[in-house]
Structures are given as C-alpha cells and as structure tokens.
Amino acid sequence: QVQVVESGGGLVQPGGSLRLSCAASGSGIGIYSRGWYRQVPDKARELVALIKSGGKTEYGDSVKGRFTISRDIDKNMAYLDMNSLKPEDTAVYLCNIRTDRNRNYWGQGTQVTVSS
C-alpha cells in the first residue's frame, strides 16, 4: 500500500514558475514509475511527465521544454518544475506512483491556476 500526497500548487501569473512536490509513503515496495498528470472539467486526464525506475523520462507534447520531472529516491519524493506557465496549464495536478506489481496509486491533487 502506497500513500501519495501532493503539494505546491497555487496561483501564478502567466510566464511564472512553480514547483510541485509529491511525497509517497510505503516501504518494501518496488516503484516502476513516478508521474504527474493533470485534469480539467469535462476533459480526459492528461499525462504531463513521467520518470521510470531507470531514469528515463517522458513528457506530454504541450509541456516539453517548459516542465521538468525529477525524483529523490532515498526520500521517496518526486518533483515537477514548471516554467513559462500559460493559462492553459490551469488544472488539478495529480501525482501517480506505479509499482513493479502494476498497481497505481494517486494523490488527491493540487490546484494550479495561471492567471493575471
């Protein structure tokens, strides 16, 4: 069992930056990947960024070059550094942990609002 908690969301102006943090608890569980997704009303959940156990990363097309995912394995933390934020980045951002037994765990999300 893995518990996931996101933090760091808030209101930011267009062009600004923000760092989201994801804390995961649970010992003795192998992690396959850590990821960030976002969701807005009436739209499907969208992949933002993903980092696999070997360090390979994947980004959604809309955030390539602006967002960076990173991790601290010893502290069970994942981060999303967001730069050059746009109003269309406004969403609830959710952290995902996928285990090597193919189970997915989600946080409750943190709201990011980009507005002047």
C-alpha atoms as a PDB file:
ATOM      1  CA  GLN A   1       0.000   0.000   0.000  1.00  0.00           C
ATOM      2  CA  VAL A   2       1.317   3.413  -1.034  1.00  0.00           C
ATOM      3  CA  GLN A   3       0.014   6.770   0.151  1.00  0.00           C
ATOM      4  CA  VAL A   4       0.584   9.779  -2.105  1.00  0.00           C
ATOM      5  CA  VAL A   5       0.341  13.472  -1.177  1.00  0.00           C
ATOM      6  CA  GLU A   6       0.936  16.438  -3.499  1.00  0.00           C
ATOM      7  CA  SER A   7       1.796  19.986  -2.502  1.00  0.00           C
ATOM      8  CA  GLY A   8       2.974  23.244  -4.024  1.00  0.00           C
ATOM      9  CA  GLY A   9       0.013  24.334  -6.109  1.00  0.00           C
ATOM     10  CA  GLY A  10      -1.360  27.845  -6.132  1.00  0.00           C
ATOM     11  CA  LEU A  11      -1.997  30.967  -8.180  1.00  0.00           C
ATOM     12  CA  VAL A  12       0.749  32.145 -10.516  1.00  0.00           C
ATOM     13  CA  GLN A  13       0.917  34.755 -13.274  1.00  0.00           C
ATOM     14  CA  PRO A  14       1.487  33.801 -16.919  1.00  0.00           C
ATOM     15  CA  GLY A  15       5.187  33.330 -17.550  1.00  0.00           C
ATOM     16  CA  GLY A  16       5.824  32.411 -13.939  1.00  0.00           C
ATOM     17  CA  SER A  17       7.243  29.274 -12.362  1.00  0.00           C
ATOM     18  CA  LEU A  18       6.123  26.784  -9.751  1.00  0.00           C
ATOM     19  CA  ARG A  19       7.457  23.594  -8.161  1.00  0.00           C
ATOM     20  CA  LEU A  20       5.113  20.766  -7.235  1.00  0.00           C
ATOM     21  CA  SER A  21       6.152  18.079  -4.761  1.00  0.00           C
ATOM     22  CA  CYS A  22       4.900  14.530  -4.344  1.00  0.00           C
ATOM     23  CA  ALA A  23       5.548  12.565  -1.161  1.00  0.00           C
ATOM     24  CA  ALA A  24       4.986   8.812  -1.234  1.00  0.00           C
ATOM     25  CA  SER A  25       4.937   6.551   1.813  1.00  0.00           C
ATOM     26  CA  GLY A  26       5.262   2.796   1.881  1.00  0.00           C
ATOM     27  CA  SER A  27       8.271   0.575   2.466  1.00  0.00           C
ATOM     28  CA  GLY A  28       9.309  -2.604   0.732  1.00  0.00           C
ATOM     29  CA  ILE A  29       7.510  -1.720  -2.491  1.00  0.00           C
ATOM     30  CA  GLY A  30       9.310  -1.523  -5.806  1.00  0.00           C
ATOM     31  CA  ILE A  31       8.499   1.530  -7.893  1.00  0.00           C
ATOM     32  CA  TYR A  32       8.152   1.210 -11.644  1.00  0.00           C
ATOM     33  CA  SER A  33       7.468   4.870 -12.357  1.00  0.00           C
ATOM     34  CA  ARG A  34       6.573   8.221 -10.840  1.00  0.00           C
ATOM     35  CA  GLY A  35       4.427  10.604 -12.815  1.00  0.00           C
ATOM     36  CA  TRP A  36       2.421  13.790 -12.946  1.00  0.00           C
ATOM     37  CA  TYR A  37      -0.950  14.077 -14.653  1.00  0.00           C
ATOM     38  CA  ARG A  38      -3.420  16.941 -14.894  1.00  0.00           C
ATOM     39  CA  GLN A  39      -7.158  17.190 -15.273  1.00  0.00           C
ATOM     40  CA  VAL A  40      -9.702  19.905 -16.051  1.00  0.00           C
ATOM     41  CA  PRO A  41     -13.508  19.567 -16.004  1.00  0.00           C
ATOM     42  CA  ASP A  42     -15.004  17.643 -18.921  1.00  0.00           C
ATOM     43  CA  LYS A  43     -11.618  16.612 -20.281  1.00  0.00           C
ATOM     44  CA  ALA A  44      -9.654  13.394 -20.003  1.00  0.00           C
ATOM     45  CA  ARG A  45      -6.763  13.090 -17.605  1.00  0.00           C
ATOM     46  CA  GLU A  46      -3.570  14.076 -19.422  1.00  0.00           C
ATOM     47  CA  LEU A  47      -0.003  12.887 -18.953  1.00  0.00           C
ATOM     48  CA  VAL A  48       2.304  15.741 -18.006  1.00  0.00           C
ATOM     49  CA  ALA A  49       5.559  13.974 -17.153  1.00  0.00           C
ATOM     50  CA  LEU A  50       6.791  10.525 -16.187  1.00  0.00           C
ATOM     51  CA  ILE A  51      10.063   9.138 -14.870  1.00  0.00           C
ATOM     52  CA  LYS A  52      10.758   5.407 -14.868  1.00  0.00           C
ATOM     53  CA  SER A  53      12.880   3.439 -12.408  1.00  0.00           C
ATOM     54  CA  GLY A  54      15.910   3.585 -14.693  1.00  0.00           C
ATOM     55  CA  GLY A  55      15.653   7.364 -15.040  1.00  0.00           C
ATOM     56  CA  LYS A  56      14.006   7.527 -18.453  1.00  0.00           C
ATOM     57  CA  THR A  57      11.605  10.470 -18.752  1.00  0.00           C
ATOM     58  CA  GLU A  58       8.553  11.152 -20.874  1.00  0.00           C
ATOM     59  CA  TYR A  59       6.677  14.433 -21.336  1.00  0.00           C
ATOM     60  CA  GLY A  60       3.391  15.482 -22.799  1.00  0.00           C
ATOM     61  CA  ASP A  61       3.728  17.462 -26.009  1.00  0.00           C
ATOM     62  CA  SER A  62       2.180  20.589 -24.522  1.00  0.00           C
ATOM     63  CA  VAL A  63       4.800  20.889 -21.755  1.00  0.00           C
ATOM     64  CA  LYS A  64       8.012  19.782 -23.470  1.00  0.00           C
ATOM     65  CA  GLY A  65      10.766  22.305 -22.918  1.00  0.00           C
ATOM     66  CA  ARG A  66       8.892  24.018 -20.078  1.00  0.00           C
ATOM     67  CA  PHE A  67       8.389  21.347 -17.384  1.00  0.00           C
ATOM     68  CA  THR A  68      10.941  19.035 -15.762  1.00  0.00           C
ATOM     69  CA  ILE A  69      10.284  15.965 -13.624  1.00  0.00           C
ATOM     70  CA  SER A  70      12.813  14.775 -11.059  1.00  0.00           C
ATOM     71  CA  ARG A  71      12.993  12.424  -8.095  1.00  0.00           C
ATOM     72  CA  ASP A  72      14.778  11.770  -4.823  1.00  0.00           C
ATOM     73  CA  ILE A  73      14.644   8.011  -4.347  1.00  0.00           C
ATOM     74  CA  ASP A  74      16.005   7.998  -0.789  1.00  0.00           C
ATOM     75  CA  LYS A  75      13.349  10.486   0.335  1.00  0.00           C
ATOM     76  CA  ASN A  76      10.529   8.935  -1.723  1.00  0.00           C
ATOM     77  CA  MET A  77       9.906  12.292  -3.382  1.00  0.00           C
ATOM     78  CA  ALA A  78       9.031  13.368  -6.896  1.00  0.00           C
ATOM     79  CA  TYR A  79       9.021  16.928  -8.204  1.00  0.00           C
ATOM     80  CA  LEU A  80       7.624  18.833 -11.131  1.00  0.00           C
ATOM     81  CA  ASP A  81       9.338  22.099 -12.001  1.00  0.00           C
ATOM     82  CA  MET A  82       7.059  24.217 -14.173  1.00  0.00           C
ATOM     83  CA  ASN A  83       8.378  27.218 -16.085  1.00  0.00           C
ATOM     84  CA  SER A  84       6.892  29.670 -18.576  1.00  0.00           C
ATOM     85  CA  LEU A  85       3.428  28.854 -17.318  1.00  0.00           C
ATOM     86  CA  LYS A  86       0.435  29.570 -19.532  1.00  0.00           C
ATOM     87  CA  PRO A  87      -3.269  29.987 -18.694  1.00  0.00           C
ATOM     88  CA  GLU A  88      -3.952  26.682 -20.436  1.00  0.00           C
ATOM     89  CA  ASP A  89      -1.771  24.965 -17.818  1.00  0.00           C
ATOM     90  CA  THR A  90      -4.512  25.642 -15.266  1.00  0.00           C
ATOM     91  CA  ALA A  91      -5.630  22.274 -13.893  1.00  0.00           C
ATOM     92  CA  VAL A  92      -5.621  19.931 -10.948  1.00  0.00           C
ATOM     93  CA  TYR A  93      -2.250  18.207 -10.949  1.00  0.00           C
ATOM     94  CA  LEU A  94      -2.109  14.651  -9.631  1.00  0.00           C
ATOM     95  CA  CYS A  95       0.859  12.535  -8.678  1.00  0.00           C
ATOM     96  CA  ASN A  96       0.909   8.894  -9.745  1.00  0.00           C
ATOM     97  CA  ILE A  97       3.012   6.034  -8.410  1.00  0.00           C
ATOM     98  CA  ARG A  98       3.112   2.788 -10.356  1.00  0.00           C
ATOM     99  CA  THR A  99       4.636  -0.217  -8.621  1.00  0.00           C
ATOM    100  CA  ASP A 100       6.543  -3.069 -10.181  1.00  0.00           C
ATOM    101  CA  ARG A 101       3.490  -5.219  -9.408  1.00  0.00           C
ATOM    102  CA  ASN A 102       1.491  -2.994 -11.790  1.00  0.00           C
ATOM    103  CA  ARG A 103      -0.574  -1.190  -9.168  1.00  0.00           C
ATOM    104  CA  ASN A 104      -1.310   2.527  -9.466  1.00  0.00           C
ATOM    105  CA  TYR A 105      -1.631   4.935  -6.555  1.00  0.00           C
ATOM    106  CA  TRP A 106      -2.885   8.511  -6.850  1.00  0.00           C
ATOM    107  CA  GLY A 107      -2.787  11.588  -4.710  1.00  0.00           C
ATOM    108  CA  GLN A 108      -5.839  13.811  -4.303  1.00  0.00           C
ATOM    109  CA  GLY A 109      -4.347  16.550  -6.445  1.00  0.00           C
ATOM    110  CA  THR A 110      -3.144  20.119  -6.087  1.00  0.00           C
ATOM    111  CA  GLN A 111      -4.710  23.053  -7.932  1.00  0.00           C
ATOM    112  CA  VAL A 112      -2.558  25.164 -10.229  1.00  0.00           C
ATOM    113  CA  THR A 113      -4.150  28.345 -11.571  1.00  0.00           C
ATOM    114  CA  VAL A 114      -2.315  30.506 -14.104  1.00  0.00           C
ATOM    115  CA  SER A 115      -3.961  33.903 -14.410  1.00  0.00           C
ATOM    116  CA  SER A 116      -3.122  37.585 -14.470  1.00  0.00           C
END
